[in-house]
C-alpha atoms as a PDB file:
ATOM      1  CA  MET A   1       0.000   0.000   0.000  1.00  0.00           C
ATOM      2  CA  GLU A   2       1.370   3.375  -1.044  1.00  0.00           C
ATOM      3  CA  VAL A   3       0.616   6.534   0.872  1.00  0.00           C
ATOM      4  CA  VAL A   4       1.712  10.001  -0.171  1.00  0.00           C
ATOM      5  CA  LYS A   5       2.086  12.449   2.684  1.00  0.00           C
ATOM      6  CA  LYS A   6       2.835  16.118   2.285  1.00  0.00           C
ATOM      7  CA  LYS A   7       2.697  19.336   4.215  1.00  0.00           C
ATOM      8  CA  ILE A   8      -0.409  21.208   3.182  1.00  0.00           C
ATOM      9  CA  THR A   9       0.147  24.780   2.055  1.00  0.00           C
ATOM     10  CA  THR A  10      -2.899  26.924   1.436  1.00  0.00           C
ATOM     11  CA  ASN A  11      -4.029  30.527   1.333  1.00  0.00           C
ATOM     12  CA  ALA A  12      -7.279  29.622   3.097  1.00  0.00           C
ATOM     13  CA  CYS A  13      -8.368  32.098   5.753  1.00  0.00           C
ATOM     14  CA  GLY A  14      -8.740  29.420   8.428  1.00  0.00           C
ATOM     15  CA  LEU A  15     -12.156  30.639   9.565  1.00  0.00           C
ATOM     16  CA  CYS A  16     -13.814  27.369   8.656  1.00  0.00           C
ATOM     17  CA  CYS A  17     -12.517  23.879   8.106  1.00  0.00           C
ATOM     18  CA  ILE A  18     -13.163  20.228   8.777  1.00  0.00           C
ATOM     19  CA  LYS A  19     -10.678  17.924  10.503  1.00  0.00           C
ATOM     20  CA  VAL A  20     -10.976  14.148  10.409  1.00  0.00           C
ATOM     21  CA  LYS A  21      -8.798  12.164  12.815  1.00  0.00           C
ATOM     22  CA  ASN A  22      -8.388   8.378  12.715  1.00  0.00           C
ATOM     23  CA  LEU A  23     -11.876   7.817  11.336  1.00  0.00           C
ATOM     24  CA  GLY A  24     -13.026   4.237  10.943  1.00  0.00           C
ATOM     25  CA  VAL A  25     -16.266   2.510   9.940  1.00  0.00           C
ATOM     26  CA  ARG A  26     -17.221  -1.141  10.379  1.00  0.00           C
ATOM     27  CA  PHE A  27     -20.308  -2.964   9.214  1.00  0.00           C
ATOM     28  CA  GLY A  28     -20.248  -6.028  11.418  1.00  0.00           C
ATOM     29  CA  SER A  29     -16.889  -7.692  10.899  1.00  0.00           C
ATOM     30  CA  GLU A  30     -16.260  -5.833   7.613  1.00  0.00           C
ATOM     31  CA  VAL A  31     -13.833  -2.902   7.795  1.00  0.00           C
ATOM     32  CA  VAL A  32     -15.171  -0.289   5.368  1.00  0.00           C
ATOM     33  CA  LEU A  33     -12.956   2.660   6.384  1.00  0.00           C
ATOM     34  CA  ASP A  34      -9.789   2.605   8.442  1.00  0.00           C
ATOM     35  CA  ASN A  35      -7.456   5.316   9.766  1.00  0.00           C
ATOM     36  CA  ILE A  36      -8.809   8.213   7.692  1.00  0.00           C
ATOM     37  CA  ASN A  37      -7.078  11.511   8.459  1.00  0.00           C
ATOM     38  CA  LEU A  38      -8.003  14.600   6.482  1.00  0.00           C
ATOM     39  CA  HIS A  39      -7.950  18.369   6.902  1.00  0.00           C
ATOM     40  CA  VAL A  40     -10.151  20.333   4.493  1.00  0.00           C
ATOM     41  CA  HIS A  41      -9.600  24.107   4.533  1.00  0.00           C
ATOM     42  CA  CYS A  42     -12.022  26.815   3.546  1.00  0.00           C
ATOM     43  CA  GLY A  43     -11.438  28.252   0.100  1.00  0.00           C
ATOM     44  CA  THR A  44     -10.378  24.909  -1.373  1.00  0.00           C
ATOM     45  CA  ILE A  45     -11.815  22.074  -3.441  1.00  0.00           C
ATOM     46  CA  THR A  46     -10.906  18.594  -2.217  1.00  0.00           C
ATOM     47  CA  GLU A  47     -11.907  15.723  -4.487  1.00  0.00           C
ATOM     48  CA  ILE A  48     -12.282  12.105  -3.372  1.00  0.00           C
ATOM     49  CA  ILE A  49     -11.575   9.505  -6.033  1.00  0.00           C
ATOM     50  CA  GLY A  50     -11.259   5.729  -6.015  1.00  0.00           C
ATOM     51  CA  LYS A  51     -12.731   2.521  -7.319  1.00  0.00           C
ATOM     52  CA  ASN A  52     -16.343   1.520  -6.708  1.00  0.00           C
ATOM     53  CA  GLY A  53     -16.845  -0.042  -3.300  1.00  0.00           C
ATOM     54  CA  GLY A  54     -13.839   1.743  -1.825  1.00  0.00           C
ATOM     55  CA  GLY A  55     -15.857   3.567   0.840  1.00  0.00           C
ATOM     56  CA  LYS A  56     -16.282   7.032  -0.722  1.00  0.00           C
ATOM     57  CA  SER A  57     -20.016   7.366  -0.066  1.00  0.00           C
ATOM     58  CA  THR A  58     -19.642   5.776   3.362  1.00  0.00           C
ATOM     59  CA  PHE A  59     -17.042   8.412   4.210  1.00  0.00           C
ATOM     60  CA  VAL A  60     -19.484  11.159   3.249  1.00  0.00           C
ATOM     61  CA  LYS A  61     -22.237   9.564   5.352  1.00  0.00           C
ATOM     62  CA  ALA A  62     -19.848   9.364   8.310  1.00  0.00           C
ATOM     63  CA  LEU A  63     -19.118  13.092   7.962  1.00  0.00           C
ATOM     64  CA  LEU A  64     -22.840  13.799   8.045  1.00  0.00           C
ATOM     65  CA  GLY A  65     -23.436  11.521  11.040  1.00  0.00           C
ATOM     66  CA  GLU A  66     -25.526   9.046   9.063  1.00  0.00           C
ATOM     67  CA  VAL A  67     -23.344   6.031   9.924  1.00  0.00           C
ATOM     68  CA  LYS A  68     -21.567   5.168  13.171  1.00  0.00           C
ATOM     69  CA  HIS A  69     -17.824   5.667  13.184  1.00  0.00           C
ATOM     70  CA  THR A  70     -14.772   5.692  15.392  1.00  0.00           C
ATOM     71  CA  GLY A  71     -12.309   8.554  15.523  1.00  0.00           C
ATOM     72  CA  GLU A  72     -13.055  12.276  15.576  1.00  0.00           C
ATOM     73  CA  ILE A  73     -14.673  14.749  13.186  1.00  0.00           C
ATOM     74  CA  GLU A  74     -14.206  18.401  14.068  1.00  0.00           C
ATOM     75  CA  TYR A  75     -16.026  21.241  12.354  1.00  0.00           C
ATOM     76  CA  ARG A  76     -14.762  24.775  12.870  1.00  0.00           C
ATOM     77  CA  ASN A  77     -16.528  27.959  11.904  1.00  0.00           C
ATOM     78  CA  ILE A  78     -15.355  31.318  13.255  1.00  0.00           C
ATOM     79  CA  GLU A  79     -16.953  34.569  12.150  1.00  0.00           C
ATOM     80  CA  GLY A  80     -16.172  37.868  13.821  1.00  0.00           C
ATOM     81  CA  GLY A  81     -14.078  36.061  16.409  1.00  0.00           C
ATOM     82  CA  ASP A  82     -17.022  33.948  17.575  1.00  0.00           C
ATOM     83  CA  ARG A  83     -17.477  30.243  16.995  1.00  0.00           C
ATOM     84  CA  LYS A  84     -20.749  29.509  15.233  1.00  0.00           C
ATOM     85  CA  ASN A  85     -22.536  26.519  13.817  1.00  0.00           C
ATOM     86  CA  LEU A  86     -21.098  25.477  10.474  1.00  0.00           C
ATOM     87  CA  ARG A  87     -23.587  25.714   7.641  1.00  0.00           C
ATOM     88  CA  ILE A  88     -23.330  22.542   5.560  1.00  0.00           C
ATOM     89  CA  GLY A  89     -24.753  21.980   2.096  1.00  0.00           C
ATOM     90  CA  TYR A  90     -25.110  18.397   0.853  1.00  0.00           C
ATOM     91  CA  VAL A  91     -26.082  16.730  -2.416  1.00  0.00           C
ATOM     92  CA  PRO A  92     -26.509  12.933  -2.258  1.00  0.00           C
ATOM     93  CA  GLN A  93     -25.483  10.529  -4.988  1.00  0.00           C
ATOM     94  CA  ASN A  94     -29.021   9.250  -5.438  1.00  0.00           C
ATOM     95  CA  LEU A  95     -32.435  10.457  -4.374  1.00  0.00           C
ATOM     96  CA  ASN A  96     -35.372   8.118  -4.919  1.00  0.00           C
ATOM     97  CA  ILE A  97     -38.519  10.066  -5.760  1.00  0.00           C
ATOM     98  CA  ASP A  98     -41.866   8.584  -6.724  1.00  0.00           C
ATOM     99  CA  LYS A  99     -42.597   9.438 -10.348  1.00  0.00           C
ATOM    100  CA  SER A 100     -46.193  10.255  -9.413  1.00  0.00           C
ATOM    101  CA  THR A 101     -45.373  12.787  -6.713  1.00  0.00           C
ATOM    102  CA  PRO A 102     -47.230  16.060  -7.385  1.00  0.00           C
ATOM    103  CA  MET A 103     -44.525  18.202  -5.725  1.00  0.00           C
ATOM    104  CA  SER A 104     -42.950  20.758  -8.050  1.00  0.00           C
ATOM    105  CA  VAL A 105     -39.400  22.069  -7.954  1.00  0.00           C
ATOM    106  CA  TYR A 106     -40.752  25.290  -6.430  1.00  0.00           C
ATOM    107  CA  ASP A 107     -42.586  23.287  -3.744  1.00  0.00           C
ATOM    108  CA  LEU A 108     -39.371  21.441  -2.873  1.00  0.00           C
ATOM    109  CA  PHE A 109     -37.408  24.671  -2.513  1.00  0.00           C
ATOM    110  CA  ALA A 110     -40.155  26.430  -0.572  1.00  0.00           C
ATOM    111  CA  SER A 111     -40.541  23.631   1.976  1.00  0.00           C
ATOM    112  CA  PHE A 112     -36.841  22.927   2.551  1.00  0.00           C
ATOM    113  CA  CYS A 113     -35.184  26.305   2.063  1.00  0.00           C
ATOM    114  CA  PHE A 114     -37.869  28.725   3.250  1.00  0.00           C
ATOM    115  CA  ASN A 115     -39.882  26.556   5.653  1.00  0.00           C
ATOM    116  CA  VAL A 116     -43.226  27.652   4.260  1.00  0.00           C
ATOM    117  CA  PRO A 117     -46.201  25.408   3.419  1.00  0.00           C
ATOM    118  CA  VAL A 118     -46.192  24.338  -0.215  1.00  0.00           C
ATOM    119  CA  LEU A 119     -49.789  25.513  -0.593  1.00  0.00           C
ATOM    120  CA  ILE A 120     -48.689  29.099  -0.025  1.00  0.00           C
ATOM    121  CA  LYS A 121     -47.407  30.699  -3.222  1.00  0.00           C
ATOM    122  CA  SER A 122     -45.178  33.709  -2.682  1.00  0.00           C
ATOM    123  CA  LYS A 123     -44.012  35.846  -5.587  1.00  0.00           C
ATOM    124  CA  LYS A 124     -40.975  36.925  -3.566  1.00  0.00           C
ATOM    125  CA  ILE A 125     -39.943  33.349  -2.774  1.00  0.00           C
ATOM    126  CA  TYR A 126     -40.719  32.259  -6.341  1.00  0.00           C
ATOM    127  CA  ALA A 127     -38.305  34.895  -7.650  1.00  0.00           C
ATOM    128  CA  LYS A 128     -35.587  33.800  -5.205  1.00  0.00           C
ATOM    129  CA  VAL A 129     -36.009  30.139  -6.164  1.00  0.00           C
ATOM    130  CA  LYS A 130     -35.846  30.961  -9.858  1.00  0.00           C
ATOM    131  CA  GLU A 131     -32.673  33.004  -9.318  1.00  0.00           C
ATOM    132  CA  ALA A 132     -31.075  30.120  -7.407  1.00  0.00           C
ATOM    133  CA  LEU A 133     -31.960  27.674 -10.177  1.00  0.00           C
ATOM    134  CA  LYS A 134     -30.597  30.071 -12.786  1.00  0.00           C
ATOM    135  CA  GLU A 135     -27.100  29.677 -11.327  1.00  0.00           C
ATOM    136  CA  PHE A 136     -27.091  26.124 -12.708  1.00  0.00           C
ATOM    137  CA  ASP A 137     -29.160  26.788 -15.837  1.00  0.00           C
ATOM    138  CA  ALA A 138     -32.226  25.152 -14.317  1.00  0.00           C
ATOM    139  CA  GLU A 139     -34.644  28.072 -13.988  1.00  0.00           C
ATOM    140  CA  ASP A 140     -36.948  26.547 -16.599  1.00  0.00           C
ATOM    141  CA  LEU A 141     -37.568  23.598 -14.252  1.00  0.00           C
ATOM    142  CA  ILE A 142     -39.193  25.627 -11.476  1.00  0.00           C
ATOM    143  CA  ASP A 143     -42.775  24.551 -12.230  1.00  0.00           C
ATOM    144  CA  LYS A 144     -42.012  20.969 -13.274  1.00  0.00           C
ATOM    145  CA  GLN A 145     -42.954  18.024 -11.080  1.00  0.00           C
ATOM    146  CA  ILE A 146     -39.965  16.498  -9.298  1.00  0.00           C
ATOM    147  CA  GLY A 147     -40.889  12.997 -10.409  1.00  0.00           C
ATOM    148  CA  THR A 148     -40.698  13.918 -14.093  1.00  0.00           C
ATOM    149  CA  LEU A 149     -37.125  15.245 -13.989  1.00  0.00           C
ATOM    150  CA  SER A 150     -34.236  13.378 -15.553  1.00  0.00           C
ATOM    151  CA  GLY A 151     -31.261  12.416 -13.409  1.00  0.00           C
ATOM    152  CA  GLY A 152     -29.208  15.355 -14.668  1.00  0.00           C
ATOM    153  CA  GLN A 153     -32.062  17.828 -14.142  1.00  0.00           C
ATOM    154  CA  LEU A 154     -32.644  16.598 -10.587  1.00  0.00           C
ATOM    155  CA  GLN A 155     -28.949  16.932  -9.780  1.00  0.00           C
ATOM    156  CA  ARG A 156     -28.948  20.554 -10.968  1.00  0.00           C
ATOM    157  CA  VAL A 157     -31.972  21.282  -8.782  1.00  0.00           C
ATOM    158  CA  LEU A 158     -30.360  19.665  -5.724  1.00  0.00           C
ATOM    159  CA  ILE A 159     -27.075  21.524  -6.261  1.00  0.00           C
ATOM    160  CA  SER A 160     -28.987  24.806  -6.569  1.00  0.00           C
ATOM    161  CA  MET A 161     -30.684  24.062  -3.232  1.00  0.00           C
ATOM    162  CA  ALA A 162     -27.410  23.105  -1.557  1.00  0.00           C
ATOM    163  CA  VAL A 163     -25.588  26.341  -2.417  1.00  0.00           C
ATOM    164  CA  MET A 164     -28.513  28.749  -2.150  1.00  0.00           C
ATOM    165  CA  ASP A 165     -27.649  29.891   1.390  1.00  0.00           C
ATOM    166  CA  LYS A 166     -23.880  29.855   0.719  1.00  0.00           C
ATOM    167  CA  PRO A 167     -22.867  27.146   3.224  1.00  0.00           C
ATOM    168  CA  LYS A 168     -19.341  27.169   4.614  1.00  0.00           C
ATOM    169  CA  LEU A 169     -18.925  23.460   3.868  1.00  0.00           C
ATOM    170  CA  LEU A 170     -20.353  21.922   0.710  1.00  0.00           C
ATOM    171  CA  ILE A 171     -20.352  18.117   0.382  1.00  0.00           C
ATOM    172  CA  LEU A 172     -21.230  16.630  -3.012  1.00  0.00           C
ATOM    173  CA  ASP A 173     -21.424  12.881  -3.672  1.00  0.00           C
ATOM    174  CA  GLU A 174     -20.942  12.375  -7.430  1.00  0.00           C
ATOM    175  CA  PRO A 175     -22.978  15.516  -8.203  1.00  0.00           C
ATOM    176  CA  VAL A 176     -22.493  15.559 -11.982  1.00  0.00           C
ATOM    177  CA  SER A 177     -23.613  12.040 -12.860  1.00  0.00           C
ATOM    178  CA  GLY A 178     -25.911  12.287 -15.861  1.00  0.00           C
ATOM    179  CA  ILE A 179     -24.729  15.793 -16.764  1.00  0.00           C
ATOM    180  CA  ASP A 180     -23.199  16.446 -20.199  1.00  0.00           C
ATOM    181  CA  SER A 181     -19.807  18.067 -20.808  1.00  0.00           C
ATOM    182  CA  ALA A 182     -21.308  21.553 -21.085  1.00  0.00           C
ATOM    183  CA  GLY A 183     -23.066  21.053 -17.756  1.00  0.00           C
ATOM    184  CA  MET A 184     -19.834  19.726 -16.242  1.00  0.00           C
ATOM    185  CA  LYS A 185     -18.020  22.932 -17.116  1.00  0.00           C
ATOM    186  CA  VAL A 186     -20.845  25.056 -15.682  1.00  0.00           C
ATOM    187  CA  PHE A 187     -20.778  23.012 -12.481  1.00  0.00           C
ATOM    188  CA  TYR A 188     -17.022  23.176 -11.929  1.00  0.00           C
ATOM    189  CA  ASP A 189     -16.821  26.853 -12.835  1.00  0.00           C
ATOM    190  CA  LYS A 190     -19.481  27.529 -10.187  1.00  0.00           C
ATOM    191  CA  MET A 191     -17.544  25.485  -7.630  1.00  0.00           C
ATOM    192  CA  LYS A 192     -14.405  27.472  -8.411  1.00  0.00           C
ATOM    193  CA  TYR A 193     -16.331  30.723  -7.993  1.00  0.00           C
ATOM    194  CA  LEU A 194     -17.791  29.607  -4.654  1.00  0.00           C
ATOM    195  CA  LYS A 195     -14.449  28.585  -3.174  1.00  0.00           C
ATOM    196  CA  GLU A 196     -12.724  31.779  -4.293  1.00  0.00           C
ATOM    197  CA  HIS A 197     -15.407  34.319  -3.392  1.00  0.00           C
ATOM    198  CA  TYR A 198     -17.082  32.782  -0.354  1.00  0.00           C
ATOM    199  CA  ASP A 199     -14.212  30.925   1.355  1.00  0.00           C
ATOM    200  CA  MET A 200     -16.232  27.758   0.929  1.00  0.00           C
ATOM    201  CA  ALA A 201     -14.725  24.382   1.809  1.00  0.00           C
ATOM    202  CA  ILE A 202     -15.880  22.025  -0.938  1.00  0.00           C
ATOM    203  CA  LEU A 203     -15.634  18.238  -0.754  1.00  0.00           C
ATOM    204  CA  ILE A 204     -16.566  16.335  -3.922  1.00  0.00           C
ATOM    205  CA  VAL A 205     -16.761  12.604  -4.628  1.00  0.00           C
ATOM    206  CA  SER A 206     -16.042  12.224  -8.335  1.00  0.00           C
ATOM    207  CA  HIS A 207     -15.153   9.812 -11.137  1.00  0.00           C
ATOM    208  CA  ASP A 208     -14.406  12.592 -13.628  1.00  0.00           C
ATOM    209  CA  LEU A 209     -10.643  12.376 -13.494  1.00  0.00           C
ATOM    210  CA  GLU A 210      -9.951  15.009 -16.140  1.00  0.00           C
ATOM    211  CA  TYR A 211     -12.040  17.638 -14.355  1.00  0.00           C
ATOM    212  CA  VAL A 212     -10.607  16.609 -10.985  1.00  0.00           C
ATOM    213  CA  TYR A 213      -7.108  17.160 -12.374  1.00  0.00           C
ATOM    214  CA  HIS A 214      -8.012  20.616 -13.617  1.00  0.00           C
ATOM    215  CA  TYR A 215     -10.117  22.001 -10.759  1.00  0.00           C
ATOM    216  CA  ALA A 216      -9.099  20.265  -7.518  1.00  0.00           C
ATOM    217  CA  ASP A 217      -6.713  21.841  -5.040  1.00  0.00           C
ATOM    218  CA  ASN A 218      -6.208  18.501  -3.292  1.00  0.00           C
ATOM    219  CA  VAL A 219      -7.106  14.919  -4.174  1.00  0.00           C
ATOM    220  CA  MET A 220      -7.660  11.976  -1.857  1.00  0.00           C
ATOM    221  CA  LEU A 221      -7.398   8.490  -3.381  1.00  0.00           C
ATOM    222  CA  LEU A 222      -9.513   6.249  -1.179  1.00  0.00           C
ATOM    223  CA  ASP A 223      -9.803   2.475  -1.021  1.00  0.00           C
ATOM    224  CA  ASN A 224     -10.961   1.717   2.535  1.00  0.00           C
ATOM    225  CA  THR A 225      -8.003   3.829   3.650  1.00  0.00           C
ATOM    226  CA  ILE A 226      -6.132   6.748   2.106  1.00  0.00           C
ATOM    227  CA  LEU A 227      -3.816   5.407  -0.577  1.00  0.00           C
ATOM    228  CA  ALA A 228      -2.591   8.802  -1.766  1.00  0.00           C
ATOM    229  CA  TYR A 229      -3.191  12.450  -0.944  1.00  0.00           C
ATOM    230  CA  GLY A 230      -1.812  15.662  -2.408  1.00  0.00           C
ATOM    231  CA  SER A 231      -2.144  17.895  -5.427  1.00  0.00           C
ATOM    232  CA  PRO A 232      -3.723  16.304  -8.515  1.00  0.00           C
ATOM    233  CA  LYS A 233      -0.342  15.890 -10.220  1.00  0.00           C
ATOM    234  CA  GLU A 234       1.207  14.342  -7.107  1.00  0.00           C
ATOM    235  CA  VAL A 235      -1.602  11.812  -6.726  1.00  0.00           C
ATOM    236  CA  TYR A 236      -1.890  11.013 -10.429  1.00  0.00           C
ATOM    237  CA  THR A 237       1.787  10.063 -10.615  1.00  0.00           C
ATOM    238  CA  THR A 238       1.632   7.504  -7.783  1.00  0.00           C
ATOM    239  CA  LYS A 239       1.709   3.750  -8.195  1.00  0.00           C
ATOM    240  CA  ALA A 240      -1.514   3.591  -6.177  1.00  0.00           C
ATOM    241  CA  PHE A 241      -3.254   5.713  -8.830  1.00  0.00           C
ATOM    242  CA  ASP A 242      -1.878   3.537 -11.643  1.00  0.00           C
ATOM    243  CA  ASP A 243      -3.025   0.396  -9.849  1.00  0.00           C
ATOM    244  CA  THR A 244      -6.526   1.844  -9.439  1.00  0.00           C
ATOM    245  CA  PHE A 245      -7.156   3.544 -12.756  1.00  0.00           C
ATOM    246  CA  GLY A 246      -4.326   2.498 -15.051  1.00  0.00           C
ATOM    247  CA  ALA A 247      -1.656   4.787 -16.441  1.00  0.00           C
ATOM    248  CA  PHE A 248      -2.814   8.284 -17.387  1.00  0.00           C
ATOM    249  CA  GLN A 249      -0.999  10.397 -19.921  1.00  0.00           C
ATOM    250  CA  LEU A 250      -0.267  13.497 -17.897  1.00  0.00           C
ATOM    251  CA  ASP A 251       0.685  15.468 -20.986  1.00  0.00           C
ATOM    252  CA  GLU A 252      -2.872  14.954 -22.269  1.00  0.00           C
ATOM    253  CA  LEU A 253      -4.293  16.055 -18.921  1.00  0.00           C
ATOM    254  CA  ASP A 254      -2.021  19.098 -18.951  1.00  0.00           C
ATOM    255  CA  GLU A 255      -3.331  19.939 -22.422  1.00  0.00           C
ATOM    256  CA  PHE A 256      -6.878  19.508 -21.111  1.00  0.00           C
ATOM    257  CA  LYS A 257      -6.103  21.812 -18.189  1.00  0.00           C
ATOM    258  CA  ALA A 258      -4.509  24.426 -20.458  1.00  0.00           C
ATOM    259  CA  ALA A 259      -7.527  24.326 -22.778  1.00  0.00           C
ATOM    260  CA  LYS A 260      -9.927  24.851 -19.866  1.00  0.00           C
ATOM    261  CA  GLN A 261      -7.847  27.740 -18.572  1.00  0.00           C
ATOM    262  CA  ALA A 262      -7.856  29.336 -22.030  1.00  0.00           C
ATOM    263  CA  GLU A 263     -11.644  28.926 -22.215  1.00  0.00           C
ATOM    264  CA  ALA A 264     -12.013  30.551 -18.809  1.00  0.00           C
ATOM    265  CA  GLN A 265      -9.805  33.501 -19.781  1.00  0.00           C
ATOM    266  CA  SER A 266     -11.716  34.002 -23.014  1.00  0.00           C
ATOM    267  CA  ALA A 267     -15.060  33.870 -21.197  1.00  0.00           C
ATOM    268  CA  HIS A 268     -13.796  36.324 -18.584  1.00  0.00           C
ATOM    269  CA  LYS A 269     -12.768  38.862 -21.230  1.00  0.00           C
ATOM    270  CA  SER A 270     -16.189  38.726 -22.896  1.00  0.00           C
ATOM    271  CA  GLN A 271     -18.165  38.795 -19.632  1.00  0.00           C
ATOM    272  CA  VAL A 272     -19.967  41.970 -18.625  1.00  0.00           C
ATOM    273  CA  THR A 273     -18.181  43.174 -15.511  1.00  0.00           C
ATOM    274  CA  ASP A 274     -21.336  43.991 -13.558  1.00  0.00           C
ATOM    275  CA  ASP A 275     -22.922  40.588 -14.157  1.00  0.00           C
ATOM    276  CA  GLU A 276     -22.339  39.003 -10.733  1.00  0.00           C
ATOM    277  CA  PRO A 277     -23.364  35.330 -10.527  1.00  0.00           C
ATOM    278  CA  PHE A 278     -24.249  35.561  -6.831  1.00  0.00           C
ATOM    279  CA  ASP A 279     -25.809  38.075  -4.455  1.00  0.00           C
ATOM    280  CA  ALA A 280     -23.054  40.498  -3.478  1.00  0.00           C
ATOM    281  CA  SER A 281     -24.891  41.383  -0.271  1.00  0.00           C
ATOM    282  CA  TYR A 282     -23.872  38.073   1.311  1.00  0.00           C
ATOM    283  CA  LYS A 283     -21.625  38.622   4.331  1.00  0.00           C
ATOM    284  CA  GLY A 284     -18.746  36.405   5.361  1.00  0.00           C
ATOM    285  CA  GLY A 285     -16.838  35.830   2.140  1.00  0.00           C
ATOM    286  CA  LYS A 286     -13.531  37.254   1.025  1.00  0.00           C
ATOM    287  CA  HIS A 287     -15.052  39.959  -1.134  1.00  0.00           C
ATOM    288  CA  GLU A 288     -17.619  41.768   0.952  1.00  0.00           C
END
C-alpha cells in the first residue's frame, strides 16, 4: 500500500474547516474505512476519487453523522471572532422520488429552504427560487414536477438548493452524474467561484478524473483507507493511482487543463463586468 504524505500549504483564511482524525467505519466484521485523516480548509476544493466499493459514499455519510464511526470529526466555523454553527450543504449521490409525486421544484425549494407550506405561493420566494436555479441553468424547471425530472435535471436542482444559502462546507457525492460536458463545465466553474469568493470548503466525490485534475486543489485516493493524498499531479503520478485507474498520460491532462484555462480567460474577457453570478450582499466571504 502506497501513501503520499505532504505538508499542506494553502491561502485559506482558516475561519472554517473540517478535521478528520483516525476515522473508521465497520459494518459487522467488515472494515469499510480505516485510519482516515483529512484536513479540508475553507477556500479549497478537495476531491475524493477511487474505485467503486472503496468507501467514498460511506465516508461522506460518516461526515454527516448518518453512519456510526470511530475517531473524531471536528467542524470549525469562526466569524467575527465567535465560533458559530457550520452551515453545511449536501447533495446525495441518489435520491429516490416517486414518479407520481405532485410536488414541483418550487414546492421542494419552498418547503426545505424557506420553511413555508407548499400551498402558499409567494411571488418573492418564487423569484428567489428561480434566481437560485438560474445559477445552474435550471430556472426553466421551477414549475415541473420532481418525479418527471431526468437524473441530470434533478442533480442541478439539488445543487442549486445546496448552495442557495452559501454554506461554509459543501459536500457533493458524485454531483455531476448524468450531466453532459457543457453542464460539467458550468458546475465546476461555479464550484471554483464559490471557493474563491465565499471561502467555501468544498468536498466532492467524483469519477471525472480530467475535471478533478483541472479544478481540484487537493485529491484523496480512497480504497478503505487513504492510498494517496496531495495535489492532482502528485496523486496522479503515484503507483496507487496507476493500480486503481491504469496509467494516465499526464501530458494529455495538462493539455486539457490548459484548454480549460484558455476557455475561462476568453469567457472572462467577454463577460460583462457587472454581471455578478451571486448576491453580493452576502456577508462572510472574502469579497464583501
